[in-house]
């Protein structure tokens, strides 16, 4: 009987010890702590989670920019809060999010332009320059995007904001200018990037309102050549088109005046009277030659001395019947061919001299002198002795 009582006491003492140990363990481990946040830093086997207000460290390698829920034992260190022995899994945010709206602009860093530059922590699968509305959190002056919505490209240019323009290159000298169908846009291209006149392009850049609407282009990848401008007859060409025609040169110098259009042709040399074929970009008030050639030299023009028409361009050829030079240096030469004649006006500035009975060829315009048929040339190069 005594033995049974001793056994009972031993069992009671053992049970009490087990309960005390379990209680101690429970007091030591405590309950589980939980934290949900965005991974804002990860290196090796350590990562930081933040909900925009609180930051907690976990001992795991995580993907920056993703949301995780961590369950473990929370404790504090001199470097901040930590979760020990955490169980970590991807999760949805259960904390308040901030909103940023602006243009996505991956450049030397990732930015959202508002137009102020907001540094973005994670790249988005969004075309450069598009307007986006992003929800996320702030951490150390960077914005971590969690949700976003693409709103499209800006509808009109705005200072310091991206804009997309499509058009034809009409200038490419000291500056590159494109015509977008309604106005000229100046492009400031990256070093080493160039475009050819007549190319159709699509460009993304930052708007600057200088003397003309301008785009600061960030990268060569932001300029895409989409083709060539449309080829149309010169009489139907609009700004940005490639004008095509066969015309006669009626005045020459730094540019050519043609008989088929009021637009002067630049970037090509020819003589008065030459007939040329040209393909040229139409600008506001001129043509820029892309491909030009003389198809009929002026020597092949018919002799028009017998076809007087006041104001008409012609080639005349004949012999000097008589010559008269006045005190002021102005001269007149009667050029005759058969039964036809015309007075050739000789301005002093032409710096030419003729003699009686000398053959002469001239390229210019019919006019009158004291109600008599006359002919006038623009320069000494358009007048010569013989067939020229």
Protein backbone atom coordinates (compact mmCIF):
# COMPACT_ATOMS: atom_id res chain seq x y z
CA UNK A 1 0.00 0.00 0.00
CA UNK A 2 2.84 2.35 0.91
CA UNK A 3 4.58 1.42 -2.34
CA UNK A 4 1.54 2.41 -4.44
CA UNK A 5 1.36 5.78 -2.70
CA UNK A 6 5.07 6.41 -3.44
CA UNK A 7 4.52 5.51 -7.10
CA UNK A 8 1.61 7.90 -7.29
CA UNK A 9 3.70 10.72 -5.86
CA UNK A 10 6.51 10.05 -8.36
CA UNK A 11 4.06 10.10 -11.26
CA UNK A 12 2.57 13.38 -10.07
CA UNK A 13 5.99 14.95 -9.73
CA UNK A 14 6.97 13.76 -13.25
CA UNK A 15 3.80 15.18 -14.75
CA UNK A 16 4.42 18.48 -13.03
CA UNK A 17 7.98 18.64 -14.41
CA UNK A 18 6.71 17.99 -17.98
CA UNK A 19 4.12 20.73 -17.61
CA UNK A 20 6.73 23.15 -16.30
CA UNK A 21 9.10 22.36 -19.20
CA UNK A 22 6.33 22.78 -21.75
CA UNK A 23 5.32 26.04 -20.15
CA UNK A 24 8.92 27.24 -20.32
CA UNK A 25 9.21 26.30 -23.99
CA UNK A 26 5.97 28.11 -24.72
CA UNK A 27 7.22 31.18 -22.89
CA UNK A 28 10.50 31.09 -24.79
CA UNK A 29 9.12 30.70 -28.35
CA UNK A 30 6.01 32.79 -27.95
CA UNK A 31 3.38 33.13 -30.73
CA UNK A 32 4.13 33.58 -34.48
CA UNK A 33 4.59 37.08 -36.00
CA UNK A 34 3.55 37.95 -39.58
CA UNK A 35 4.66 40.71 -41.97
CA UNK A 36 3.73 41.41 -45.59
CA UNK A 37 5.84 43.74 -47.72
CA UNK A 38 7.70 44.37 -50.96
CA UNK A 39 11.22 43.05 -51.32
CA UNK A 40 13.27 46.24 -51.61
CA UNK A 41 16.70 44.68 -51.21
CA UNK A 42 18.17 41.21 -51.61
CA UNK A 43 21.76 40.06 -51.39
CA UNK A 44 22.98 36.58 -50.72
CA UNK A 45 20.68 35.02 -48.12
CA UNK A 46 19.36 38.29 -46.70
CA UNK A 47 16.46 40.44 -47.89
CA UNK A 48 14.45 43.45 -46.74
CA UNK A 49 10.67 43.69 -46.90
CA UNK A 50 8.86 47.04 -46.71
CA UNK A 51 5.24 48.14 -46.75
CA UNK A 52 6.19 51.77 -47.27
CA UNK A 53 6.21 52.52 -43.54
CA UNK A 54 7.98 49.62 -41.83
CA UNK A 55 10.97 47.61 -42.99
CA UNK A 56 11.72 44.06 -41.77
CA UNK A 57 14.70 41.86 -42.56
CA UNK A 58 14.40 38.17 -43.38
CA UNK A 59 17.09 35.57 -43.91
CA UNK A 60 16.20 34.43 -47.44
CA UNK A 61 17.07 35.25 -51.03
CA UNK A 62 14.04 36.98 -52.59
CA UNK A 63 13.20 38.78 -55.83
CA UNK A 64 13.22 42.55 -55.60
CA UNK A 65 9.92 44.20 -56.44
CA UNK A 66 7.73 41.23 -55.47
CA UNK A 67 5.38 41.06 -52.49
CA UNK A 68 5.94 38.38 -49.84
CA UNK A 69 4.29 37.32 -46.57
CA UNK A 70 6.75 36.20 -43.90
CA UNK A 71 5.70 34.29 -40.73
CA UNK A 72 8.20 33.78 -37.90
CA UNK A 73 9.44 35.22 -34.66
CA UNK A 74 9.97 39.00 -34.65
CA UNK A 75 12.88 40.52 -32.74
CA UNK A 76 14.78 43.80 -32.83
CA UNK A 77 18.43 44.40 -33.64
CA UNK A 78 20.58 47.50 -33.86
CA UNK A 79 19.98 47.38 -37.65
CA UNK A 80 16.20 47.12 -37.34
CA UNK A 81 13.46 44.49 -37.02
CA UNK A 82 14.12 40.91 -38.12
CA UNK A 83 12.02 37.75 -38.52
CA UNK A 84 13.75 34.59 -37.32
CA UNK A 85 13.03 31.18 -38.86
CA UNK A 86 10.49 32.80 -41.17
CA UNK A 87 8.23 30.90 -43.49
CA UNK A 88 8.02 33.06 -46.65
CA UNK A 89 5.61 32.89 -49.59
CA UNK A 90 4.47 35.24 -52.41
CA UNK A 91 1.43 37.29 -51.47
CA UNK A 92 -0.83 40.16 -52.51
CA UNK A 93 -0.34 43.56 -50.85
CA UNK A 94 -2.55 44.11 -47.79
CA UNK A 95 -1.18 47.58 -47.04
CA UNK A 96 -1.97 51.07 -48.45
CA UNK A 97 -0.41 51.90 -51.83
CA UNK A 98 0.74 55.26 -53.23
CA UNK A 99 -0.07 56.34 -56.81
CA UNK A 100 2.21 57.98 -59.39
CA UNK A 101 1.14 59.01 -62.91
CA UNK A 102 3.55 60.04 -65.63
CA UNK A 103 5.58 58.90 -68.64
CA UNK A 104 7.69 55.76 -68.43
CA UNK A 105 11.27 56.75 -69.30
CA UNK A 106 14.03 54.11 -69.04
CA UNK A 107 17.27 56.01 -69.65
CA UNK A 108 20.50 56.15 -67.63
CA UNK A 109 18.15 55.04 -64.83
CA UNK A 110 14.48 54.08 -64.68
CA UNK A 111 12.18 57.08 -64.37
CA UNK A 112 8.59 58.20 -64.37
CA UNK A 113 8.39 61.75 -65.75
CA UNK A 114 5.67 63.84 -64.16
CA UNK A 115 7.54 65.98 -65.54
CA UNK A 116 9.70 65.78 -62.41
CA UNK A 117 11.88 62.68 -62.48
CA UNK A 118 10.64 59.92 -60.18
CA UNK A 119 13.17 57.11 -59.82
CA UNK A 120 11.60 53.74 -60.42
CA UNK A 121 13.05 50.68 -58.70
CA UNK A 122 11.88 48.02 -61.17
CA UNK A 123 11.51 48.05 -64.96
CA UNK A 124 8.06 47.82 -66.53
CA UNK A 125 7.17 46.02 -69.78
CA UNK A 126 5.94 49.33 -71.23
CA UNK A 127 6.98 51.20 -74.38
CA UNK A 128 9.22 54.17 -73.70
CA UNK A 129 7.33 57.43 -73.41
CA UNK A 130 3.89 56.00 -72.67
CA UNK A 131 1.84 57.51 -69.86
CA UNK A 132 1.20 55.05 -67.00
CA UNK A 133 -0.64 55.16 -63.69
CA UNK A 134 1.28 53.13 -61.10
CA UNK A 135 0.40 51.93 -57.62
CA UNK A 136 3.23 50.95 -55.30
CA UNK A 137 5.33 52.03 -52.33
CA UNK A 138 8.17 54.45 -51.67
CA UNK A 139 11.46 53.25 -50.21
CA UNK A 140 14.54 55.43 -49.98
CA UNK A 141 13.51 57.86 -52.78
CA UNK A 142 12.61 55.04 -55.16
CA UNK A 143 9.15 53.98 -56.16
CA UNK A 144 8.42 50.25 -56.25
CA UNK A 145 5.58 49.51 -58.69
CA UNK A 146 3.09 46.78 -57.81
CA UNK A 147 0.25 47.53 -60.22
CA UNK A 148 0.14 49.71 -63.31
CA UNK A 149 -2.15 50.77 -66.12
CA UNK A 150 -0.98 52.05 -69.52
CA UNK A 151 -2.81 55.22 -70.61
CA UNK A 152 -1.11 55.72 -73.99
CA UNK A 153 1.12 58.41 -75.49
CA UNK A 154 0.47 62.10 -74.76
CA UNK A 155 -1.98 63.65 -77.22
CA UNK A 156 -0.01 66.88 -77.59
CA UNK A 157 3.51 68.11 -76.80
CA UNK A 158 4.15 69.34 -73.27
CA UNK A 159 7.35 70.94 -71.98
CA UNK A 160 9.81 68.42 -70.45
CA UNK A 161 7.53 65.47 -71.23
CA UNK A 162 7.98 62.73 -73.85
CA UNK A 163 6.24 62.98 -77.19
CA UNK A 164 6.14 60.74 -80.25
CA UNK A 165 6.35 62.29 -83.69
CA UNK A 166 6.29 60.77 -87.18
CA UNK A 167 7.31 62.61 -90.31
CA UNK A 168 9.74 63.19 -93.17
CA UNK A 169 13.27 64.50 -92.74
CA UNK A 170 13.45 67.79 -94.68
CA UNK A 171 16.75 69.19 -93.27
CA UNK A 172 19.86 67.40 -92.00
CA UNK A 173 22.62 69.99 -91.92
CA UNK A 174 23.57 71.78 -88.71
CA UNK A 175 20.19 70.62 -87.39
CA UNK A 176 17.80 67.84 -88.27
CA UNK A 177 14.22 68.90 -89.00
CA UNK A 178 11.22 66.73 -89.81
CA UNK A 179 7.81 67.70 -91.14
CA UNK A 180 5.03 65.94 -89.23
CA UNK A 181 2.21 66.98 -91.55
CA UNK A 182 1.42 70.28 -89.85
CA UNK A 183 4.66 71.81 -88.55
CA UNK A 184 8.44 71.52 -88.46
CA UNK A 185 9.97 69.67 -85.50
CA UNK A 186 13.67 70.07 -84.69
CA UNK A 187 15.48 66.92 -83.52
CA UNK A 188 18.50 66.99 -81.23
CA UNK A 189 19.93 63.56 -81.95
CA UNK A 190 22.44 61.56 -79.86
CA UNK A 191 26.09 61.80 -80.87
CA UNK A 192 26.81 59.64 -83.91
CA UNK A 193 23.16 59.39 -84.98
CA UNK A 194 22.18 60.90 -88.33
CA UNK A 195 19.22 60.80 -90.70
CA UNK A 196 18.92 61.32 -94.46
CA UNK A 197 16.66 63.87 -96.11
CA UNK A 198 13.59 62.10 -97.51
CA UNK A 199 13.45 59.37 -94.86
CA UNK A 200 10.23 58.73 -92.97
CA UNK A 201 10.92 58.38 -89.25
CA UNK A 202 9.24 57.76 -85.92
CA UNK A 203 10.95 59.50 -83.00
CA UNK A 204 10.45 59.56 -79.22
CA UNK A 205 12.01 62.44 -77.32
CA UNK A 206 11.63 65.04 -74.59
CA UNK A 207 9.79 68.21 -75.63
CA UNK A 208 11.51 71.58 -75.52
CA UNK A 209 9.85 74.74 -76.79
CA UNK A 210 12.70 76.75 -78.29
CA UNK A 211 12.17 78.96 -81.35
CA UNK A 212 10.52 75.87 -82.82
CA UNK A 213 9.05 72.76 -81.27
CA UNK A 214 12.05 70.54 -80.51
CA UNK A 215 12.70 67.00 -79.28
CA UNK A 216 15.72 65.98 -77.22
CA UNK A 217 16.34 62.37 -78.31
CA UNK A 218 17.79 60.19 -75.55
CA UNK A 219 19.04 57.14 -77.44
CA UNK A 220 19.61 55.95 -81.04
CA UNK A 221 17.00 53.28 -80.29
CA UNK A 222 14.41 56.07 -80.00
CA UNK A 223 14.73 56.84 -83.73
CA UNK A 224 13.18 54.37 -86.17
CA UNK A 225 13.33 54.79 -89.96
CA UNK A 226 10.01 53.58 -91.35
CA UNK A 227 10.58 54.14 -95.08
CA UNK A 228 10.82 56.90 -97.69
CA UNK A 229 8.56 59.84 -98.41
CA UNK A 230 5.95 59.48 -101.15
CA UNK A 231 7.03 60.36 -104.71
CA UNK A 232 4.58 62.71 -106.48
CA UNK A 233 4.70 65.09 -109.48
CA UNK A 234 6.18 68.46 -108.55
CA UNK A 235 2.90 70.23 -109.31
CA UNK A 236 1.10 68.09 -106.69
CA UNK A 237 3.83 67.85 -104.04
CA UNK A 238 3.10 68.90 -100.47
CA UNK A 239 5.70 69.63 -97.79
CA UNK A 240 7.49 66.40 -96.94
CA UNK A 241 6.79 64.72 -100.29
CA UNK A 242 9.45 63.79 -102.83
CA UNK A 243 8.68 66.00 -105.83
CA UNK A 244 9.51 64.53 -109.24
CA UNK A 245 9.74 66.41 -112.54
CA UNK A 246 11.52 67.19 -115.82
CA UNK A 247 12.13 70.93 -116.08
CA UNK A 248 14.32 73.53 -117.78
CA UNK A 249 16.68 75.68 -115.75
CA UNK A 250 15.84 79.35 -116.32
CA UNK A 251 18.14 80.88 -113.69
CA UNK A 252 21.23 79.49 -111.97
CA UNK A 253 23.28 80.41 -108.91
CA UNK A 254 23.31 79.04 -105.38
CA UNK A 255 19.98 77.48 -106.36
CA UNK A 256 18.16 76.82 -109.61
CA UNK A 257 15.00 78.48 -110.88
CA UNK A 258 12.92 76.12 -113.01
CA UNK A 259 10.27 76.71 -115.64
CA UNK A 260 7.82 74.21 -114.10
CA UNK A 261 7.52 75.45 -110.50
CA UNK A 262 7.93 78.57 -108.41
CA UNK A 263 10.10 76.61 -105.93
CA UNK A 264 13.85 76.96 -106.29
CA UNK A 265 15.94 73.77 -106.38
CA UNK A 266 18.88 73.47 -103.98
CA UNK A 267 21.76 70.96 -103.75
CA UNK A 268 22.35 70.64 -107.52
CA UNK A 269 24.31 72.53 -110.17
CA UNK A 270 23.23 73.06 -113.77
CA UNK A 271 23.39 75.77 -116.44
CA UNK A 272 20.65 78.05 -117.63
CA UNK A 273 18.91 76.23 -120.46
CA UNK A 274 19.76 72.70 -119.30
CA UNK A 275 16.78 70.39 -119.00
CA UNK A 276 16.99 68.27 -115.85
CA UNK A 277 15.23 65.38 -114.17
CA UNK A 278 14.96 65.77 -110.41
CA UNK A 279 13.68 63.98 -107.33
CA UNK A 280 13.68 66.44 -104.45
CA UNK A 281 12.13 66.81 -101.01
CA UNK A 282 9.54 69.56 -100.90
CA UNK A 283 10.18 72.09 -98.13
CA UNK A 284 8.06 75.11 -97.21
CA UNK A 285 9.36 77.28 -100.03
CA UNK A 286 12.03 75.27 -101.83
CA UNK A 287 13.15 71.88 -103.10
CA UNK A 288 16.15 69.89 -101.84
CA UNK A 289 17.66 67.65 -104.52
CA UNK A 290 18.00 63.96 -103.68
CA UNK A 291 18.61 62.63 -107.17
CA UNK A 292 19.10 65.04 -110.07
CA UNK A 293 20.66 64.83 -113.54
CA UNK A 294 20.87 66.82 -116.75
CA UNK A 295 18.86 64.94 -119.36
CA UNK A 296 19.13 67.49 -122.22
CA UNK A 297 22.11 69.89 -122.26
CA UNK A 298 21.19 73.42 -123.30
CA UNK A 299 23.17 73.11 -126.53
CA UNK A 300 20.32 70.93 -127.80
CA UNK A 301 17.67 73.65 -127.47
CA UNK A 302 16.25 74.92 -130.80
CA UNK A 303 17.20 78.36 -132.04
CA UNK A 304 14.32 80.59 -130.96
CA UNK A 305 15.43 83.84 -132.56
CA UNK A 306 12.45 83.73 -134.91
CA UNK A 307 9.96 82.91 -132.14
CA UNK A 308 9.80 86.16 -130.17
CA UNK A 309 7.43 86.01 -127.17
CA UNK A 310 7.86 88.70 -124.53
CA UNK A 311 8.93 87.08 -121.22
CA UNK A 312 9.61 83.64 -122.69
CA UNK A 313 12.83 81.75 -122.11
CA UNK A 314 14.79 80.77 -125.21
CA UNK A 315 18.11 80.06 -126.85
CA UNK A 316 19.05 82.39 -129.66
CA UNK A 317 21.90 82.03 -132.13
CA UNK A 318 23.02 84.29 -134.96
CA UNK A 319 25.61 86.86 -136.06
CA UNK A 320 26.29 90.32 -134.74
CA UNK A 321 25.00 92.69 -137.44
CA UNK A 322 26.10 95.79 -135.57
CA UNK A 323 27.21 96.76 -132.08
CA UNK A 324 26.66 99.98 -130.10
CA UNK A 325 28.13 100.77 -126.66
CA UNK A 326 27.04 103.87 -124.69
CA UNK A 327 29.08 106.05 -122.29
CA UNK A 328 27.66 104.31 -119.20
CA UNK A 329 28.95 100.95 -120.46
CA UNK A 330 25.58 99.63 -121.59
CA UNK A 331 25.60 98.08 -125.05
CA UNK A 332 23.28 96.78 -127.75
CA UNK A 333 24.05 94.17 -130.37
CA UNK A 334 21.78 93.43 -133.30
CA UNK A 335 21.84 89.64 -133.63
CA UNK A 336 20.55 88.40 -136.97
CA UNK A 337 19.78 84.96 -138.37
CA UNK A 338 18.23 84.97 -141.84
CA UNK A 339 15.21 87.23 -141.83
CA UNK A 340 14.97 87.25 -137.99
CA UNK A 341 16.71 89.64 -135.64
CA UNK A 342 16.68 90.72 -132.01
CA UNK A 343 18.49 93.34 -129.94
CA UNK A 344 20.81 91.71 -127.44
CA UNK A 345 21.08 93.86 -124.30
CA UNK A 346 24.62 93.97 -122.93
CA UNK A 347 24.80 95.21 -119.34
CA UNK A 348 28.24 96.38 -118.21
CA UNK A 349 28.15 93.84 -115.36
CA UNK A 350 28.15 90.97 -117.87
CA UNK A 351 31.80 91.78 -118.57
CA UNK A 352 31.67 90.50 -122.15
CA UNK A 353 32.68 92.02 -125.45
CA UNK A 354 31.43 91.28 -128.94
CA UNK A 355 32.45 92.29 -132.44
CA UNK A 356 30.52 92.80 -135.65
CA UNK A 357 30.02 89.69 -137.80
CA UNK A 358 30.86 87.52 -134.81
CA UNK A 359 28.69 84.41 -134.23
CA UNK A 360 26.92 84.49 -130.86
CA UNK A 361 24.71 82.20 -128.78
CA UNK A 362 22.73 83.36 -125.75
CA UNK A 363 20.37 81.85 -123.20
CA UNK A 364 17.85 84.12 -121.53
CA UNK A 365 14.47 85.84 -121.90
CA UNK A 366 12.77 87.83 -124.61
CA UNK A 367 11.96 91.40 -123.65
CA UNK A 368 11.57 94.76 -125.44
CA UNK A 369 13.80 97.77 -125.85
CA UNK A 370 12.09 100.97 -127.00
CA UNK A 371 9.24 98.82 -128.36
CA UNK A 372 11.63 96.66 -130.35
CA UNK A 373 12.19 92.90 -129.83
CA UNK A 374 15.12 92.35 -127.48
CA UNK A 375 16.85 89.61 -125.53
CA UNK A 376 18.41 89.68 -122.05
CA UNK A 377 20.76 87.26 -120.29
CA UNK A 378 21.37 86.91 -116.54
CA UNK A 379 25.15 86.43 -116.57
CA UNK A 380 28.16 86.38 -118.83
CA UNK A 381 28.19 82.56 -118.62
CA UNK A 382 24.95 82.55 -120.65
CA UNK A 383 26.45 84.43 -123.56
CA UNK A 384 29.32 83.29 -125.74
CA UNK A 385 30.74 83.47 -129.19
CA UNK A 386 29.81 80.55 -131.38
CA UNK A 387 27.74 77.48 -130.40
CA UNK A 388 27.92 77.24 -126.60
